[in-house]
Amino acid sequence: MQLKALFTNWTKVAGLLLMAGALAWTIKLGVIISTNGRIIDTGAAAFLMKAGILLLVAGSTGIGHRLSLHQPVWVKVLAIILSTVVVFGLFLLFAKVASSLLVAPLLEGSNIWYAQQEAPIGMAVFFFLIVGFLLYRSYRSVAR
């Protein structure tokens, strides 16, 4: 019974998962900044990166779920699978374009060597936080 309630409210849950993933990545960036780049791919930073990715993948399925409300099951499954691919594809494209246009000129000659490497993660935090918030706010209960 509770599992059915989870899926009827999946849009809201997925929005929360996206925001939680963005929060995990924010804390990861905090760990990297507080250690002055000594801890990037080990310890807490590595754990938060992996946890954030898992939360973001699970949360991104809510986009496909929301867009395919009241559609046949095969459309819903296809939309949920494609939503994860599209969200991360857009993030990679956004990070590539924004990094070369914004981050590189701003941080050129900076002594913060890890900033350019972590800048796409910082931009992803804002992107996924906004998408998660919009998904959470667009919640409508599905008829049972």
Protein backbone atom coordinates (compact mmCIF):
# COMPACT_ATOMS: atom_id res chain seq x y z
CA MET A 1 0.00 0.00 0.00
CA GLN A 2 2.78 2.45 0.86
CA LEU A 3 4.64 1.50 -2.30
CA LYS A 4 1.59 2.49 -4.34
CA ALA A 5 1.47 5.81 -2.49
CA LEU A 6 5.14 6.37 -3.31
CA PHE A 7 4.51 5.93 -7.02
CA THR A 8 1.37 8.05 -7.05
CA ASN A 9 3.45 10.84 -5.50
CA TRP A 10 6.59 10.12 -7.51
CA THR A 11 6.82 13.61 -9.00
CA LYS A 12 7.12 15.11 -5.54
CA VAL A 13 9.54 12.42 -4.32
CA ALA A 14 11.69 12.78 -7.44
CA GLY A 15 11.88 16.54 -6.97
CA LEU A 16 13.13 15.97 -3.43
CA LEU A 17 15.68 13.43 -4.71
CA LEU A 18 17.00 15.93 -7.26
CA MET A 19 17.35 18.58 -4.57
CA ALA A 20 19.07 16.06 -2.26
CA GLY A 21 21.53 15.17 -5.03
CA ALA A 22 22.29 18.84 -5.58
CA LEU A 23 22.81 19.23 -1.82
CA ALA A 24 25.23 16.28 -1.78
CA TRP A 25 27.22 17.89 -4.58
CA THR A 26 27.19 21.23 -2.73
CA ILE A 27 28.64 19.57 0.36
CA LYS A 28 31.20 17.83 -1.87
CA LEU A 29 32.30 21.22 -3.20
CA GLY A 30 32.48 22.47 0.38
CA VAL A 31 34.79 19.59 1.31
CA ILE A 32 37.04 20.32 -1.66
CA ILE A 33 37.19 24.04 -0.91
CA SER A 34 37.77 23.53 2.81
CA THR A 35 40.69 21.17 2.13
CA ASN A 36 42.10 23.50 -0.54
CA GLY A 37 41.80 20.78 -3.18
CA ARG A 38 43.65 18.07 -1.25
CA ILE A 39 40.55 15.85 -1.14
CA ILE A 40 38.84 15.66 -4.53
CA ASP A 41 38.36 12.02 -5.43
CA THR A 42 38.78 10.24 -2.10
CA GLY A 43 37.03 10.11 1.26
CA ALA A 44 34.02 12.31 1.84
CA ALA A 45 34.22 14.02 -1.56
CA ALA A 46 34.13 10.69 -3.40
CA PHE A 47 31.25 9.41 -1.26
CA LEU A 48 29.22 12.59 -1.76
CA MET A 49 29.87 12.54 -5.52
CA LYS A 50 28.60 8.97 -5.82
CA ALA A 51 25.63 9.56 -3.53
CA GLY A 52 24.76 12.71 -5.46
CA ILE A 53 24.87 10.92 -8.80
CA LEU A 54 22.60 8.14 -7.54
CA LEU A 55 20.14 10.66 -6.11
CA LEU A 56 20.18 12.68 -9.34
CA VAL A 57 19.60 9.61 -11.52
CA ALA A 58 16.68 8.51 -9.36
CA GLY A 59 15.28 12.02 -9.21
CA SER A 60 15.55 12.64 -12.93
CA THR A 61 13.09 9.82 -13.55
CA GLY A 62 10.44 12.12 -12.12
CA ILE A 63 10.73 14.35 -15.17
CA GLY A 64 9.73 11.50 -17.47
CA HIS A 65 7.04 10.45 -15.01
CA ARG A 66 5.61 13.98 -14.91
CA LEU A 67 5.65 14.40 -18.67
CA SER A 68 3.98 11.05 -19.28
CA LEU A 69 1.09 11.28 -16.84
CA HIS A 70 -2.04 9.55 -18.14
CA GLN A 71 -0.12 7.92 -21.01
CA PRO A 72 0.17 4.21 -21.84
CA VAL A 73 2.67 2.21 -19.80
CA TRP A 74 5.16 1.84 -22.68
CA VAL A 75 5.24 5.63 -23.15
CA LYS A 76 5.76 6.13 -19.41
CA VAL A 77 8.64 3.61 -19.30
CA LEU A 78 10.29 5.15 -22.36
CA ALA A 79 9.90 8.68 -20.96
CA ILE A 80 11.38 7.68 -17.60
CA ILE A 81 14.40 6.03 -19.22
CA LEU A 82 14.98 8.86 -21.67
CA SER A 83 14.61 11.52 -18.99
CA THR A 84 17.79 10.36 -17.27
CA VAL A 85 19.69 10.37 -20.56
CA VAL A 86 18.39 13.78 -21.63
CA VAL A 87 19.02 15.44 -18.25
CA PHE A 88 22.63 14.27 -18.07
CA GLY A 89 23.21 14.95 -21.76
CA LEU A 90 21.98 18.52 -21.32
CA PHE A 91 24.13 18.89 -18.23
CA LEU A 92 27.24 17.72 -20.10
CA LEU A 93 26.50 20.07 -22.99
CA PHE A 94 25.79 22.94 -20.62
CA ALA A 95 28.94 22.26 -18.62
CA LYS A 96 31.08 22.09 -21.76
CA VAL A 97 29.72 25.33 -23.22
CA ALA A 98 29.55 27.26 -19.95
CA SER A 99 33.00 26.10 -18.85
CA SER A 100 34.64 27.34 -22.01
CA LEU A 101 32.69 30.62 -22.17
CA LEU A 102 32.42 31.62 -18.51
CA VAL A 103 34.71 29.65 -16.25
CA ALA A 104 37.91 29.63 -18.29
CA PRO A 105 38.07 33.44 -18.72
CA LEU A 106 37.14 34.12 -15.08
CA LEU A 107 39.60 31.66 -13.54
CA GLU A 108 42.46 32.07 -15.99
CA GLY A 109 45.63 32.76 -14.04
CA SER A 110 43.96 31.89 -10.73
CA ASN A 111 45.90 30.03 -8.07
CA ILE A 112 42.84 27.89 -7.30
CA TRP A 113 43.88 25.03 -9.58
CA TYR A 114 40.86 22.79 -8.85
CA ALA A 115 38.27 25.47 -9.63
CA GLN A 116 38.14 24.79 -13.37
CA GLN A 117 37.83 21.05 -12.77
CA GLU A 118 34.96 21.46 -10.28
CA ALA A 119 33.15 24.37 -11.98
CA PRO A 120 30.79 22.13 -14.01
CA ILE A 121 29.74 20.43 -10.75
CA GLY A 122 28.99 23.85 -9.28
CA MET A 123 26.87 24.74 -12.29
CA ALA A 124 25.13 21.36 -12.08
CA VAL A 125 24.17 22.12 -8.48
CA PHE A 126 22.19 25.17 -9.60
CA PHE A 127 20.71 23.36 -12.60
CA PHE A 128 19.53 20.30 -10.68
CA LEU A 129 18.35 22.34 -7.71
CA ILE A 130 16.13 24.45 -9.96
CA VAL A 131 14.83 21.41 -11.89
CA GLY A 132 14.14 19.59 -8.62
CA PHE A 133 12.32 22.57 -7.16
CA LEU A 134 10.19 23.00 -10.29
CA LEU A 135 9.40 19.29 -10.30
CA TYR A 136 8.46 19.40 -6.61
CA ARG A 137 6.25 22.45 -7.18
CA SER A 138 4.51 20.89 -10.20
CA TYR A 139 3.32 17.97 -8.07
CA ARG A 140 -0.23 16.81 -8.64
CA SER A 141 -1.56 13.66 -7.14
CA VAL A 142 -2.30 10.98 -9.71
CA ALA A 143 -5.80 9.57 -9.55
CA ARG A 144 -5.74 6.22 -7.77
